[in-house]
Structure formats: C-alpha cells, structure tokens
PDB file of N, CA and C in Angstrom:
ATOM      1  N   SER A   1     -47.483  26.172-187.789  1.00  0.00           N
ATOM      2  CA  SER A   1     -49.564  26.491-187.746  1.00  0.00           C
ATOM      3  C   SER A   1     -50.522  25.086-187.929  1.00  0.00           C
ATOM      4  N   SER A   2     -51.636  25.884-187.098  1.00  0.00           N
ATOM      5  CA  SER A   2     -52.568  24.852-186.982  1.00  0.00           C
ATOM      6  C   SER A   2     -53.399  24.349-188.373  1.00  0.00           C
ATOM      7  N   PRO A   3     -53.943  23.028-188.075  1.00  0.00           N
ATOM      8  CA  PRO A   3     -54.724  22.587-188.912  1.00  0.00           C
ATOM      9  C   PRO A   3     -55.928  23.583-188.873  1.00  0.00           C
ATOM     10  N   LEU A   4     -55.707  23.095-190.652  1.00  0.00           N
ATOM     11  CA  LEU A   4     -57.612  23.914-190.167  1.00  0.00           C
ATOM     12  C   LEU A   4     -58.430  22.838-190.396  1.00  0.00           C
ATOM     13  N   PRO A   5     -59.810  23.792-189.737  1.00  0.00           N
ATOM     14  CA  PRO A   5     -60.818  23.346-189.194  1.00  0.00           C
ATOM     15  C   PRO A   5     -61.790  22.345-190.256  1.00  0.00           C
ATOM     16  N   LEU A   6     -62.255  21.395-189.328  1.00  0.00           N
ATOM     17  CA  LEU A   6     -63.144  20.332-190.922  1.00  0.00           C
ATOM     18  C   LEU A   6     -63.834  21.261-190.182  1.00  0.00           C
ATOM     19  N   PRO A   7     -64.784  21.097-191.664  1.00  0.00           N
ATOM     20  CA  PRO A   7     -65.700  21.330-192.395  1.00  0.00           C
ATOM     21  C   PRO A   7     -67.265  21.467-191.480  1.00  0.00           C
ATOM     22  N   THR A   8     -68.157  22.224-191.193  1.00  0.00           N
ATOM     23  CA  THR A   8     -68.712  21.813-190.214  1.00  0.00           C
ATOM     24  C   THR A   8     -70.379  21.706-190.584  1.00  0.00           C
ATOM     25  N   LEU A   9     -70.738  20.675-190.671  1.00  0.00           N
ATOM     26  CA  LEU A   9     -72.198  19.970-191.519  1.00  0.00           C
ATOM     27  C   LEU A   9     -73.269  20.299-190.203  1.00  0.00           C
ATOM     28  N   ARG A  10     -73.914  20.952-191.436  1.00  0.00           N
ATOM     29  CA  ARG A  10     -75.279  21.365-189.377  1.00  0.00           C
ATOM     30  C   ARG A  10     -76.530  20.624-190.315  1.00  0.00           C
ATOM     31  N   PRO A  11     -77.012  19.808-190.394  1.00  0.00           N
ATOM     32  CA  PRO A  11     -78.637  19.230-190.713  1.00  0.00           C
ATOM     33  C   PRO A  11     -80.006  20.771-190.022  1.00  0.00           C
ATOM     34  N   SER A  12     -80.269  20.696-190.703  1.00  0.00           N
ATOM     35  CA  SER A  12     -81.647  21.427-190.440  1.00  0.00           C
ATOM     36  C   SER A  12     -82.707  21.099-189.549  1.00  0.00           C
ATOM     37  N   PHE A  13     -82.767  21.201-188.652  1.00  0.00           N
ATOM     38  CA  PHE A  13     -84.130  20.411-187.555  1.00  0.00           C
ATOM     39  C   PHE A  13     -84.923  21.363-187.571  1.00  0.00           C
ATOM     40  N   ALA A  14     -86.317  20.083-188.836  1.00  0.00           N
ATOM     41  CA  ALA A  14     -87.581  20.735-188.667  1.00  0.00           C
ATOM     42  C   ALA A  14     -88.400  20.464-186.786  1.00  0.00           C
ATOM     43  N   ARG A  15     -88.788  20.914-186.346  1.00  0.00           N
ATOM     44  CA  ARG A  15     -89.842  20.876-185.371  1.00  0.00           C
ATOM     45  C   ARG A  15     -90.931  21.412-185.532  1.00  0.00           C
ATOM     46  N   CYS A  16     -91.840  20.432-185.090  1.00  0.00           N
ATOM     47  CA  CYS A  16     -93.561  20.489-185.354  1.00  0.00           C
ATOM     48  C   CYS A  16     -93.481  21.567-184.183  1.00  0.00           C
ATOM     49  N   SER A  17     -94.727  22.640-184.553  1.00  0.00           N
ATOM     50  CA  SER A  17     -95.159  23.851-183.598  1.00  0.00           C
ATOM     51  C   SER A  17     -96.382  22.817-182.673  1.00  0.00           C
ATOM     52  N   ASP A  18     -96.463  23.173-181.342  1.00  0.00           N
ATOM     53  CA  ASP A  18     -97.400  23.151-180.707  1.00  0.00           C
ATOM     54  C   ASP A  18     -97.983  24.605-180.199  1.00  0.00           C
ATOM     55  N   ASP A  19     -99.103  24.546-179.864  1.00  0.00           N
ATOM     56  CA  ASP A  19     -99.805  25.716-179.763  1.00  0.00           C
ATOM     57  C   ASP A  19     -99.209  25.074-177.533  1.00  0.00           C
ATOM     58  N   ASP A  20     -98.480  24.742-177.154  1.00  0.00           N
ATOM     59  CA  ASP A  20     -98.557  24.295-176.291  1.00  0.00           C
ATOM     60  C   ASP A  20     -96.937  24.345-176.427  1.00  0.00           C
ATOM     61  N   GLU A  21     -96.027  25.196-175.961  1.00  0.00           N
ATOM     62  CA  GLU A  21     -95.267  25.853-176.034  1.00  0.00           C
ATOM     63  C   GLU A  21     -94.215  25.358-174.597  1.00  0.00           C
ATOM     64  N   ASP A  22     -95.129  24.938-173.369  1.00  0.00           N
ATOM     65  CA  ASP A  22     -94.141  24.653-172.377  1.00  0.00           C
ATOM     66  C   ASP A  22     -93.738  22.992-172.421  1.00  0.00           C
ATOM     67  N   ASP A  23     -94.365  22.633-173.237  1.00  0.00           N
ATOM     68  CA  ASP A  23     -93.997  21.018-173.817  1.00  0.00           C
ATOM     69  C   ASP A  23     -92.412  20.890-173.239  1.00  0.00           C
ATOM     70  N   GLU A  24     -92.179  20.152-172.147  1.00  0.00           N
ATOM     71  CA  GLU A  24     -90.824  20.045-171.659  1.00  0.00           C
ATOM     72  C   GLU A  24     -89.847  18.965-172.374  1.00  0.00           C
ATOM     73  N   ASP A  25     -90.769  18.194-173.337  1.00  0.00           N
ATOM     74  CA  ASP A  25     -90.359  16.514-173.893  1.00  0.00           C
ATOM     75  C   ASP A  25     -89.420  16.932-175.117  1.00  0.00           C
ATOM     76  N   ASP A  26     -89.739  17.887-175.906  1.00  0.00           N
ATOM     77  CA  ASP A  26     -89.141  18.974-176.683  1.00  0.00           C
ATOM     78  C   ASP A  26     -88.046  19.704-176.495  1.00  0.00           C
ATOM     79  N   ASP A  27     -86.716  18.801-175.841  1.00  0.00           N
ATOM     80  CA  ASP A  27     -85.629  19.265-176.051  1.00  0.00           C
ATOM     81  C   ASP A  27     -84.941  19.118-177.434  1.00  0.00           C
ATOM     82  N   GLU A  28     -84.508  20.398-178.329  1.00  0.00           N
ATOM     83  CA  GLU A  28     -84.208  21.273-179.202  1.00  0.00           C
ATOM     84  C   GLU A  28     -83.086  19.796-179.507  1.00  0.00           C
ATOM     85  N   PRO A  29     -82.995  19.430-180.621  1.00  0.00           N
ATOM     86  CA  PRO A  29     -81.899  18.563-180.988  1.00  0.00           C
ATOM     87  C   PRO A  29     -80.201  19.137-181.127  1.00  0.00           C
ATOM     88  N   VAL A  30     -79.268  18.453-180.709  1.00  0.00           N
ATOM     89  CA  VAL A  30     -78.144  18.400-180.338  1.00  0.00           C
ATOM     90  C   VAL A  30     -77.019  18.375-181.809  1.00  0.00           C
ATOM     91  N   ASP A  31     -76.647  18.596-182.789  1.00  0.00           N
ATOM     92  CA  ASP A  31     -75.496  17.974-183.674  1.00  0.00           C
ATOM     93  C   ASP A  31     -74.077  17.600-183.197  1.00  0.00           C
ATOM     94  N   VAL A  32     -74.098  16.604-181.838  1.00  0.00           N
ATOM     95  CA  VAL A  32     -72.952  15.720-181.963  1.00  0.00           C
ATOM     96  C   VAL A  32     -71.446  16.122-182.990  1.00  0.00           C
ATOM     97  N   LEU A  33     -72.007  15.871-184.321  1.00  0.00           N
ATOM     98  CA  LEU A  33     -70.958  15.334-185.218  1.00  0.00           C
ATOM     99  C   LEU A  33     -69.874  16.350-184.865  1.00  0.00           C
ATOM    100  N   PRO A  34     -69.910  17.583-185.065  1.00  0.00           N
ATOM    101  CA  PRO A  34     -68.463  18.417-184.532  1.00  0.00           C
ATOM    102  C   PRO A  34     -67.359  18.177-183.315  1.00  0.00           C
ATOM    103  N   SER A  35     -68.259  18.540-182.530  1.00  0.00           N
ATOM    104  CA  SER A  35     -67.750  17.581-181.583  1.00  0.00           C
ATOM    105  C   SER A  35     -66.791  16.205-181.766  1.00  0.00           C
ATOM    106  N   LEU A  36     -67.620  15.115-181.617  1.00  0.00           N
ATOM    107  CA  LEU A  36     -67.145  14.153-181.994  1.00  0.00           C
ATOM    108  C   LEU A  36     -65.515  13.514-183.477  1.00  0.00           C
ATOM    109  N   ARG A  37     -65.860  14.564-184.374  1.00  0.00           N
ATOM    110  CA  ARG A  37     -64.968  14.858-185.444  1.00  0.00           C
ATOM    111  C   ARG A  37     -64.124  16.094-184.423  1.00  0.00           C
ATOM    112  N   GLU A  38     -63.957  16.486-183.811  1.00  0.00           N
ATOM    113  CA  GLU A  38     -63.208  17.630-183.057  1.00  0.00           C
ATOM    114  C   GLU A  38     -62.180  16.856-182.278  1.00  0.00           C
ATOM    115  N   LYS A  39     -62.928  15.482-181.472  1.00  0.00           N
ATOM    116  CA  LYS A  39     -62.302  14.631-180.324  1.00  0.00           C
ATOM    117  C   LYS A  39     -61.167  12.847-181.127  1.00  0.00           C
ATOM    118  N   CYS A  40     -62.161  13.459-182.944  1.00  0.00           N
ATOM    119  CA  CYS A  40     -61.060  11.957-183.151  1.00  0.00           C
ATOM    120  C   CYS A  40     -60.575  12.394-184.206  1.00  0.00           C
ATOM    121  N   LEU A  41     -60.105  13.637-184.196  1.00  0.00           N
ATOM    122  CA  LEU A  41     -58.863  14.520-184.858  1.00  0.00           C
ATOM    123  C   LEU A  41     -57.715  14.240-184.180  1.00  0.00           C
ATOM    124  N   SER A  42     -57.762  13.397-182.684  1.00  0.00           N
ATOM    125  CA  SER A  42     -56.661  13.084-182.142  1.00  0.00           C
ATOM    126  C   SER A  42     -55.412  11.478-182.814  1.00  0.00           C
ATOM    127  N   SER A  43     -57.190  11.771-183.424  1.00  0.00           N
ATOM    128  CA  SER A  43     -56.613   9.572-183.336  1.00  0.00           C
ATOM    129  C   SER A  43     -56.030   9.482-184.931  1.00  0.00           C
ATOM    130  N   CYS A  44     -55.792  10.366-185.369  1.00  0.00           N
ATOM    131  CA  CYS A  44     -55.172  10.063-187.304  1.00  0.00           C
ATOM    132  C   CYS A  44     -54.069  10.901-187.346  1.00  0.00           C
ATOM    133  N   PRO A  45     -52.889  10.584-186.385  1.00  0.00           N
ATOM    134  CA  PRO A  45     -51.804  12.054-186.410  1.00  0.00           C
ATOM    135  C   PRO A  45     -50.696  11.934-187.721  1.00  0.00           C
ATOM    136  N   SER A  46     -50.526  10.628-188.329  1.00  0.00           N
ATOM    137  CA  SER A  46     -49.970  11.427-189.311  1.00  0.00           C
ATOM    138  C   SER A  46     -50.829  11.425-190.754  1.00  0.00           C
ATOM    139  N   GLN A  47     -52.032  11.206-191.288  1.00  0.00           N
ATOM    140  CA  GLN A  47     -52.760  12.192-192.031  1.00  0.00           C
ATOM    141  C   GLN A  47     -53.157  14.005-191.532  1.00  0.00           C
ATOM    142  N   ALA A  48     -53.122  13.817-189.478  1.00  0.00           N
ATOM    143  CA  ALA A  48     -53.129  15.183-190.334  1.00  0.00           C
ATOM    144  C   ALA A  48     -51.655  15.978-190.053  1.00  0.00           C
ATOM    145  N   ALA A  49     -50.312  15.275-189.884  1.00  0.00           N
ATOM    146  CA  ALA A  49     -48.886  15.821-190.111  1.00  0.00           C
ATOM    147  C   ALA A  49     -48.477  15.408-191.835  1.00  0.00           C
ATOM    148  N   ALA A  50     -49.503  14.827-192.338  1.00  0.00           N
ATOM    149  CA  ALA A  50     -48.744  14.997-193.929  1.00  0.00           C
ATOM    150  C   ALA A  50     -50.034  16.335-194.666  1.00  0.00           C
ATOM    151  N   TYR A  51     -51.351  16.574-193.888  1.00  0.00           N
ATOM    152  CA  TYR A  51     -52.118  17.606-194.435  1.00  0.00           C
ATOM    153  C   TYR A  51     -51.821  19.081-193.700  1.00  0.00           C
ATOM    154  N   ASN A  52     -50.291  19.088-192.348  1.00  0.00           N
ATOM    155  CA  ASN A  52     -49.952  20.315-192.529  1.00  0.00           C
ATOM    156  C   ASN A  52     -48.947  20.358-192.671  1.00  0.00           C
ATOM    157  N   ALA A  53     -47.942  19.556-193.172  1.00  0.00           N
ATOM    158  CA  ALA A  53     -47.324  19.432-194.014  1.00  0.00           C
ATOM    159  C   ALA A  53     -47.122  20.079-195.392  1.00  0.00           C
ATOM    160  N   CYS A  54     -48.269  19.377-196.387  1.00  0.00           N
ATOM    161  CA  CYS A  54     -48.622  19.821-197.173  1.00  0.00           C
ATOM    162  C   CYS A  54     -48.832  22.054-197.170  1.00  0.00           C
ATOM    163  N   LYS A  55     -49.828  22.084-196.064  1.00  0.00           N
ATOM    164  CA  LYS A  55     -50.232  23.366-195.975  1.00  0.00           C
ATOM    165  C   LYS A  55     -48.502  24.080-195.783  1.00  0.00           C
ATOM    166  N   GLU A  56     -47.656  23.580-195.338  1.00  0.00           N
ATOM    167  CA  GLU A  56     -46.461  24.817-195.116  1.00  0.00           C
ATOM    168  C   GLU A  56     -45.957  25.037-196.715  1.00  0.00           C
ATOM    169  N   ARG A  57     -45.678  23.648-197.584  1.00  0.00           N
ATOM    170  CA  ARG A  57     -45.119  23.569-198.742  1.00  0.00           C
ATOM    171  C   ARG A  57     -45.990  24.483-199.276  1.00  0.00           C
ATOM    172  N   VAL A  58     -47.327  24.621-199.194  1.00  0.00           N
ATOM    173  CA  VAL A  58     -48.425  25.460-200.284  1.00  0.00           C
ATOM    174  C   VAL A  58     -47.957  27.392-199.782  1.00  0.00           C
ATOM    175  N   ALA A  59     -47.306  26.849-198.149  1.00  0.00           N
ATOM    176  CA  ALA A  59     -47.569  28.517-198.143  1.00  0.00           C
ATOM    177  C   ALA A  59     -46.030  29.094-198.264  1.00  0.00           C
ATOM    178  N   GLU A  60     -45.412  28.106-198.944  1.00  0.00           N
ATOM    179  CA  GLU A  60     -43.932  28.951-198.742  1.00  0.00           C
ATOM    180  C   GLU A  60     -44.029  29.253-200.184  1.00  0.00           C
ATOM    181  N   LYS A  61     -44.362  28.183-201.292  1.00  0.00           N
ATOM    182  CA  LYS A  61     -44.776  28.658-203.003  1.00  0.00           C
ATOM    183  C   LYS A  61     -45.741  29.499-203.066  1.00  0.00           C
ATOM    184  N   GLY A  62     -46.600  29.350-202.308  1.00  0.00           N
ATOM    185  CA  GLY A  62     -48.010  30.396-202.824  1.00  0.00           C
ATOM    186  C   GLY A  62     -48.492  29.913-203.678  1.00  0.00           C
ATOM    187  N   HIS A  63     -48.924  28.933-204.215  1.00  0.00           N
ATOM    188  CA  HIS A  63     -49.815  28.340-204.981  1.00  0.00           C
ATOM    189  C   HIS A  63     -49.686  27.224-204.689  1.00  0.00           C
ATOM    190  N   GLY A  64     -50.953  25.826-204.871  1.00  0.00           N
ATOM    191  CA  GLY A  64     -51.075  24.895-205.118  1.00  0.00           C
ATOM    192  C   GLY A  64     -52.471  24.621-203.847  1.00  0.00           C
ATOM    193  N   ASP A  65     -52.432  23.100-203.717  1.00  0.00           N
ATOM    194  CA  ASP A  65     -53.521  23.201-202.709  1.00  0.00           C
ATOM    195  C   ASP A  65     -53.492  21.588-201.919  1.00  0.00           C
ATOM    196  N   CYS A  66     -53.790  21.428-200.953  1.00  0.00           N
ATOM    197  CA  CYS A  66     -53.995  19.950-200.134  1.00  0.00           C
ATOM    198  C   CYS A  66     -55.329  19.316-199.864  1.00  0.00           C
ATOM    199  N   GLU A  67     -55.863  19.405-200.706  1.00  0.00           N
ATOM    200  CA  GLU A  67     -57.766  19.233-200.931  1.00  0.00           C
ATOM    201  C   GLU A  67     -57.233  17.470-200.800  1.00  0.00           C
ATOM    202  N   ALA A  68     -56.144  16.554-201.372  1.00  0.00           N
ATOM    203  CA  ALA A  68     -55.752  15.197-201.339  1.00  0.00           C
ATOM    204  C   ALA A  68     -55.640  15.204-199.610  1.00  0.00           C
ATOM    205  N   TRP A  69     -54.811  16.299-199.107  1.00  0.00           N
ATOM    206  CA  TRP A  69     -53.963  15.438-197.741  1.00  0.00           C
ATOM    207  C   TRP A  69     -55.890  15.717-196.696  1.00  0.00           C
ATOM    208  N   TYR A  70     -56.535  16.648-197.192  1.00  0.00           N
ATOM    209  CA  TYR A  70     -57.655  17.275-196.225  1.00  0.00           C
ATOM    210  C   TYR A  70     -58.378  15.949-196.090  1.00  0.00           C
ATOM    211  N   PHE A  71     -58.403  15.815-197.939  1.00  0.00           N
ATOM    212  CA  PHE A  71     -59.185  14.517-197.470  1.00  0.00           C
ATOM    213  C   PHE A  71     -59.275  13.293-197.231  1.00  0.00           C
ATOM    214  N   ASP A  72     -57.917  13.131-197.205  1.00  0.00           N
ATOM    215  CA  ASP A  72     -57.765  12.210-196.250  1.00  0.00           C
ATOM    216  C   ASP A  72     -57.694  11.806-194.739  1.00  0.00           C
ATOM    217  N   GLN A  73     -57.370  13.346-194.284  1.00  0.00           N
ATOM    218  CA  GLN A  73     -57.984  13.161-192.986  1.00  0.00           C
ATOM    219  C   GLN A  73     -58.786  13.420-192.479  1.00  0.00           C
ATOM    220  N   LEU A  74     -59.704  13.372-193.254  1.00  0.00           N
ATOM    221  CA  LEU A  74     -61.420  13.422-192.578  1.00  0.00           C
ATOM    222  C   LEU A  74     -61.419  12.482-193.348  1.00  0.00           C
ATOM    223  N   ALA A  75     -61.824  11.353-194.157  1.00  0.00           N
ATOM    224  CA  ALA A  75     -61.824  10.324-194.071  1.00  0.00           C
ATOM    225  C   ALA A  75     -61.567   9.150-192.754  1.00  0.00           C
ATOM    226  N   CYS A  76     -60.061   9.678-192.079  1.00  0.00           N
ATOM    227  CA  CYS A  76     -59.719   8.693-191.101  1.00  0.00           C
ATOM    228  C   CYS A  76     -60.453   9.173-189.900  1.00  0.00           C
ATOM    229  N   VAL A  77     -60.686  10.892-190.025  1.00  0.00           N
ATOM    230  CA  VAL A  77     -61.422  11.019-189.487  1.00  0.00           C
ATOM    231  C   VAL A  77     -62.339  11.062-188.634  1.00  0.00           C
ATOM    232  N   ASP A  78     -63.406  10.039-189.677  1.00  0.00           N
ATOM    233  CA  ASP A  78     -64.388  10.104-189.764  1.00  0.00           C
ATOM    234  C   ASP A  78     -64.704   8.386-189.452  1.00  0.00           C
ATOM    235  N   ARG A  79     -63.906   7.521-190.195  1.00  0.00           N
ATOM    236  CA  ARG A  79     -63.603   6.551-189.723  1.00  0.00           C
ATOM    237  C   ARG A  79     -63.598   6.242-188.056  1.00  0.00           C
ATOM    238  N   CYS A  80     -63.374   6.790-187.246  1.00  0.00           N
ATOM    239  CA  CYS A  80     -62.907   7.214-186.165  1.00  0.00           C
ATOM    240  C   CYS A  80     -64.573   8.020-185.299  1.00  0.00           C
ATOM    241  N   VAL A  81     -65.379   8.677-186.223  1.00  0.00           N
ATOM    242  CA  VAL A  81     -66.586   8.818-185.629  1.00  0.00           C
ATOM    243  C   VAL A  81     -68.103   8.208-185.812  1.00  0.00           C
ATOM    244  N   VAL A  82     -67.662   7.295-187.699  1.00  0.00           N
ATOM    245  CA  VAL A  82     -69.216   6.578-187.298  1.00  0.00           C
ATOM    246  C   VAL A  82     -69.302   5.642-186.072  1.00  0.00           C
ATOM    247  N   PRO A  83     -68.603   5.373-185.023  1.00  0.00           N
ATOM    248  CA  PRO A  83     -69.221   3.651-184.314  1.00  0.00           C
ATOM    249  C   PRO A  83     -70.123   4.942-183.469  1.00  0.00           C
ATOM    250  N   GLN A  84     -69.552   6.052-183.196  1.00  0.00           N
ATOM    251  CA  GLN A  84     -69.542   6.792-181.937  1.00  0.00           C
ATOM    252  C   GLN A  84     -71.209   7.147-182.528  1.00  0.00           C
ATOM    253  N   LEU A  85     -71.187   7.770-183.594  1.00  0.00           N
ATOM    254  CA  LEU A  85     -72.550   9.224-183.492  1.00  0.00           C
ATOM    255  C   LEU A  85     -73.748   8.264-184.394  1.00  0.00           C
ATOM    256  N   PHE A  86     -74.282   6.959-183.898  1.00  0.00           N
ATOM    257  CA  PHE A  86     -75.309   6.065-183.810  1.00  0.00           C
ATOM    258  C   PHE A  86     -75.843   5.983-181.956  1.00  0.00           C
ATOM    259  N   GLN A  87     -74.800   6.673-181.444  1.00  0.00           N
ATOM    260  CA  GLN A  87     -75.169   6.032-179.868  1.00  0.00           C
ATOM    261  C   GLN A  87     -75.762   7.292-179.643  1.00  0.00           C
ATOM    262  N   HIS A  88     -75.784   7.786-180.254  1.00  0.00           N
ATOM    263  CA  HIS A  88     -76.490   8.940-180.080  1.00  0.00           C
ATOM    264  C   HIS A  88     -77.839   9.690-180.392  1.00  0.00           C
ATOM    265  N   THR A  89     -78.527   9.031-181.048  1.00  0.00           N
ATOM    266  CA  THR A  89     -79.598   8.848-181.881  1.00  0.00           C
ATOM    267  C   THR A  89     -80.560   8.913-181.093  1.00  0.00           C
ATOM    268  N   LYS A  90     -81.812   8.649-180.720  1.00  0.00           N
ATOM    269  CA  LYS A  90     -82.757   8.685-179.817  1.00  0.00           C
ATOM    270  C   LYS A  90     -83.663   7.219-181.032  1.00  0.00           C
TER     271      LYS A  90
END
C-alpha cells in the first residue's frame, strides 16, 4: 500500500489589480512546498516504513489510527524542506 499523501497547505496569494494587465513582471507566485515535500519524502525512509506498517495494521484490524506515525514522518520531511524553502522566496 502506498503512503498517504502529505497535506497540501496552499496559502492564498493576493494580487493587486492594475489597469495594465499586460505587465509581464507580475508572474503568478508558485507554491513550491508540495514539490519540496515530495522530494524530501525519500530522505525519511524509517519514518515512512513505520507509518506504512501502522497503516497495514490498522487496515487488518479495521480500527485505529496512525496519527503519531504520520506526524513523525511529516516532521522529518519538514526538517528536510525548511533549508530549501527560503531559497525560493524573492
């Protein structure tokens, strides 16, 4: 079974409206967090394995949750993401 996808946190970006819509300097901002998290997932194999094992146990039992294992995996991924994230800001 494949790991559950990481939650997508998408900030809403406000854009000032000008009458001049042809201004090419106003590129739409791109949220790089989802792609960085996906790349960093491979740097947390033990957390991913523990989370997947929990999901299998819960599926067999039919009840329970893997919240703690999920947040362990997410914390590991975020430790990998943080140094890279701010390189993408202007």
